[in-house]
Each structure stands twice: as structure tokens, then as C-alpha cells.
Amino acid sequence: MGGKKMDLLRGTLDLLILQVLQLEPLHGVAVADRIRQVTKGTFDVPAGSLFPALHRLEQEGWIEGEWSLDNGRRIKSYALTPSGRKQLASEKRAWNRTVEAVGLVIDLASE
């Protein structure tokens, strides 16, 4: 998949953030780094999209942030909440329905 960068589809950033945070708590830049790493550079989430999304997910109660010091710098790490785990499961189901529906349309073109 690597090589060419793609724009994230509307609504997929929340899914990616929740999935990455399911594995372990991370600070914002580490979330973006992990998404870039796992997608082999296909998705590079800019700070202007990432931090508003983290803030929104925190307001929804799906993630919780905790401030700490790292080399003298204050950083905020985020962890998935139980409500966030439920939301992640819901987002995965919705994503799978989307993939299936798009696949049906694509297959239609090859009939």
C-alpha cells in the first residue's frame, strides 16, 4: 500500500485513533506516527486534524487524557475508555458495512 499518500475519508480518523489507542495509551504525535507507520505512510494525519479529533473524542468520553512530564515537557497521553471500546466496535461494524457496499458497486462495474 505504501508510497502514495491518500486523504482520509470523512469519519475514518476517529476509527483510526480509537483503534490505535486500543493497543496502548499514546500522546498525540505518537498517535499520528502510529497511524503513518501502520498504513505504511498512506495516511499522514496533520496536527490540524489530529488534535481537534482527539479533543472531540475526549469530550465524547471515548478517550481520556492525562498530563505528564517527558524530558521536562508537558505531554498529554490518551487512553481508550470503556465507552470508547464500545464506540470502536460500532465504528468497525459501520466501516465493514461501508467496505462491503463499496465492493458491491465496484463488482457491479465488472459484470
C-alpha atoms as a PDB file:
ATOM      1  CA  MET A   1       0.000   0.000   0.000  1.00  0.00           C
ATOM      2  CA  GLY A   2       2.912   2.342   0.648  1.00  0.00           C
ATOM      3  CA  GLY A   3       4.198   5.110  -1.499  1.00  0.00           C
ATOM      4  CA  LYS A   4       1.237   7.280  -2.354  1.00  0.00           C
ATOM      5  CA  LYS A   5      -0.496   9.341   0.337  1.00  0.00           C
ATOM      6  CA  MET A   6      -4.280   9.461   0.419  1.00  0.00           C
ATOM      7  CA  ASP A   7      -6.803  11.747   2.048  1.00  0.00           C
ATOM      8  CA  LEU A   8      -8.752  10.191   4.908  1.00  0.00           C
ATOM      9  CA  LEU A   9     -12.416   9.624   4.203  1.00  0.00           C
ATOM     10  CA  ARG A  10     -14.692  11.683   6.407  1.00  0.00           C
ATOM     11  CA  GLY A  11     -15.279   9.839   9.670  1.00  0.00           C
ATOM     12  CA  THR A  12     -12.380   7.403   9.369  1.00  0.00           C
ATOM     13  CA  LEU A  13      -9.979   9.425  11.515  1.00  0.00           C
ATOM     14  CA  ASP A  14     -11.992   8.670  14.666  1.00  0.00           C
ATOM     15  CA  LEU A  15     -11.903   4.955  13.845  1.00  0.00           C
ATOM     16  CA  LEU A  16      -8.142   5.007  13.293  1.00  0.00           C
ATOM     17  CA  ILE A  17      -7.457   6.940  16.503  1.00  0.00           C
ATOM     18  CA  LEU A  18      -9.663   4.656  18.591  1.00  0.00           C
ATOM     19  CA  GLN A  19      -8.056   1.553  17.076  1.00  0.00           C
ATOM     20  CA  VAL A  20      -4.519   2.806  17.722  1.00  0.00           C
ATOM     21  CA  LEU A  21      -5.376   3.721  21.318  1.00  0.00           C
ATOM     22  CA  GLN A  22      -6.914   0.281  21.902  1.00  0.00           C
ATOM     23  CA  LEU A  23      -3.383  -1.119  21.945  1.00  0.00           C
ATOM     24  CA  GLU A  24      -1.861   1.336  24.426  1.00  0.00           C
ATOM     25  CA  PRO A  25      -2.101   4.943  25.661  1.00  0.00           C
ATOM     26  CA  LEU A  26      -0.194   7.387  23.443  1.00  0.00           C
ATOM     27  CA  HIS A  27       0.380  11.116  23.182  1.00  0.00           C
ATOM     28  CA  GLY A  28      -0.943  12.963  20.162  1.00  0.00           C
ATOM     29  CA  VAL A  29       2.155  12.938  17.975  1.00  0.00           C
ATOM     30  CA  ALA A  30       2.657   9.229  18.730  1.00  0.00           C
ATOM     31  CA  VAL A  31      -0.924   8.571  17.558  1.00  0.00           C
ATOM     32  CA  ALA A  32      -0.160  10.247  14.224  1.00  0.00           C
ATOM     33  CA  ASP A  33       3.168   8.404  13.985  1.00  0.00           C
ATOM     34  CA  ARG A  34       1.494   5.041  14.640  1.00  0.00           C
ATOM     35  CA  ILE A  35      -1.184   5.680  12.002  1.00  0.00           C
ATOM     36  CA  ARG A  36       1.511   6.650   9.495  1.00  0.00           C
ATOM     37  CA  GLN A  37       3.580   3.584  10.429  1.00  0.00           C
ATOM     38  CA  VAL A  38       0.740   1.044  10.289  1.00  0.00           C
ATOM     39  CA  THR A  39      -0.584   2.421   6.987  1.00  0.00           C
ATOM     40  CA  LYS A  40       2.962   2.420   5.560  1.00  0.00           C
ATOM     41  CA  GLY A  41       2.800   6.163   5.000  1.00  0.00           C
ATOM     42  CA  THR A  42      -0.536   6.140   3.189  1.00  0.00           C
ATOM     43  CA  PHE A  43      -2.193   8.280   5.871  1.00  0.00           C
ATOM     44  CA  ASP A  44      -0.246  11.190   7.322  1.00  0.00           C
ATOM     45  CA  VAL A  45      -2.530  12.928   9.811  1.00  0.00           C
ATOM     46  CA  PRO A  46      -1.710  16.633  10.166  1.00  0.00           C
ATOM     47  CA  ALA A  47      -1.806  18.226  13.620  1.00  0.00           C
ATOM     48  CA  GLY A  48      -4.635  20.493  12.464  1.00  0.00           C
ATOM     49  CA  SER A  49      -6.837  17.414  12.020  1.00  0.00           C
ATOM     50  CA  LEU A  50      -5.447  15.208  14.780  1.00  0.00           C
ATOM     51  CA  PHE A  51      -5.707  17.474  17.815  1.00  0.00           C
ATOM     52  CA  PRO A  52      -9.296  18.642  17.176  1.00  0.00           C
ATOM     53  CA  ALA A  53     -10.245  14.964  16.718  1.00  0.00           C
ATOM     54  CA  LEU A  54      -8.544  13.988  19.989  1.00  0.00           C
ATOM     55  CA  HIS A  55     -10.323  16.840  21.764  1.00  0.00           C
ATOM     56  CA  ARG A  56     -13.689  15.809  20.278  1.00  0.00           C
ATOM     57  CA  LEU A  57     -13.170  12.136  21.225  1.00  0.00           C
ATOM     58  CA  GLU A  58     -12.251  13.206  24.747  1.00  0.00           C
ATOM     59  CA  GLN A  59     -15.394  15.349  25.004  1.00  0.00           C
ATOM     60  CA  GLU A  60     -17.465  12.362  23.857  1.00  0.00           C
ATOM     61  CA  GLY A  61     -15.938  10.326  26.691  1.00  0.00           C
ATOM     62  CA  TRP A  62     -14.396   7.785  24.305  1.00  0.00           C
ATOM     63  CA  ILE A  63     -10.819   8.618  25.306  1.00  0.00           C
ATOM     64  CA  GLU A  64      -9.319  10.218  28.384  1.00  0.00           C
ATOM     65  CA  GLY A  65      -6.216  12.338  28.535  1.00  0.00           C
ATOM     66  CA  GLU A  66      -3.647  12.519  31.282  1.00  0.00           C
ATOM     67  CA  TRP A  67      -0.887  15.116  31.538  1.00  0.00           C
ATOM     68  CA  SER A  68       2.663  14.065  32.424  1.00  0.00           C
ATOM     69  CA  LEU A  69       6.230  15.263  32.049  1.00  0.00           C
ATOM     70  CA  ASP A  70       8.520  13.854  29.368  1.00  0.00           C
ATOM     71  CA  ASN A  71      12.060  15.250  29.337  1.00  0.00           C
ATOM     72  CA  GLY A  72      10.791  18.381  31.060  1.00  0.00           C
ATOM     73  CA  ARG A  73       7.934  18.865  28.571  1.00  0.00           C
ATOM     74  CA  ARG A  74       4.286  18.500  29.485  1.00  0.00           C
ATOM     75  CA  ILE A  75       2.592  15.964  27.238  1.00  0.00           C
ATOM     76  CA  LYS A  76      -0.937  14.636  27.218  1.00  0.00           C
ATOM     77  CA  SER A  77      -1.346  10.915  26.672  1.00  0.00           C
ATOM     78  CA  TYR A  78      -4.681   9.463  25.670  1.00  0.00           C
ATOM     79  CA  ALA A  79      -6.241   6.127  26.594  1.00  0.00           C
ATOM     80  CA  LEU A  80      -9.389   4.412  25.398  1.00  0.00           C
ATOM     81  CA  THR A  81     -12.272   4.351  27.894  1.00  0.00           C
ATOM     82  CA  PRO A  82     -14.828   1.525  28.233  1.00  0.00           C
ATOM     83  CA  SER A  83     -17.260   3.745  26.317  1.00  0.00           C
ATOM     84  CA  GLY A  84     -14.552   4.206  23.683  1.00  0.00           C
ATOM     85  CA  ARG A  85     -14.219   0.431  23.308  1.00  0.00           C
ATOM     86  CA  LYS A  86     -17.954   0.217  22.597  1.00  0.00           C
ATOM     87  CA  GLN A  87     -17.694   3.083  20.122  1.00  0.00           C
ATOM     88  CA  LEU A  88     -14.732   1.399  18.416  1.00  0.00           C
ATOM     89  CA  ALA A  89     -16.777  -1.795  17.959  1.00  0.00           C
ATOM     90  CA  SER A  90     -19.617   0.279  16.482  1.00  0.00           C
ATOM     91  CA  GLU A  91     -17.233   2.162  14.172  1.00  0.00           C
ATOM     92  CA  LYS A  92     -15.707  -1.128  12.971  1.00  0.00           C
ATOM     93  CA  ARG A  93     -19.156  -2.520  12.134  1.00  0.00           C
ATOM     94  CA  ALA A  94     -20.021   0.651  10.218  1.00  0.00           C
ATOM     95  CA  TRP A  95     -16.693   0.547   8.380  1.00  0.00           C
ATOM     96  CA  ASN A  96     -17.210  -3.099   7.386  1.00  0.00           C
ATOM     97  CA  ARG A  97     -20.678  -2.246   6.035  1.00  0.00           C
ATOM     98  CA  THR A  98     -19.148   0.630   4.045  1.00  0.00           C
ATOM     99  CA  VAL A  99     -16.417  -1.584   2.588  1.00  0.00           C
ATOM    100  CA  GLU A 100     -18.976  -4.239   1.653  1.00  0.00           C
ATOM    101  CA  ALA A 101     -21.291  -1.703  -0.008  1.00  0.00           C
ATOM    102  CA  VAL A 102     -18.469  -0.079  -1.992  1.00  0.00           C
ATOM    103  CA  GLY A 103     -17.290  -3.546  -3.027  1.00  0.00           C
ATOM    104  CA  LEU A 104     -20.756  -4.329  -4.379  1.00  0.00           C
ATOM    105  CA  VAL A 105     -20.709  -1.175  -6.501  1.00  0.00           C
ATOM    106  CA  ILE A 106     -17.202  -1.943  -7.786  1.00  0.00           C
ATOM    107  CA  ASP A 107     -18.188  -5.522  -8.597  1.00  0.00           C
ATOM    108  CA  LEU A 108     -21.231  -4.226 -10.458  1.00  0.00           C
ATOM    109  CA  ALA A 109     -18.937  -2.362 -12.835  1.00  0.00           C
ATOM    110  CA  SER A 110     -17.086  -5.594 -13.704  1.00  0.00           C
ATOM    111  CA  GLU A 111     -20.235  -7.595 -14.578  1.00  0.00           C
END
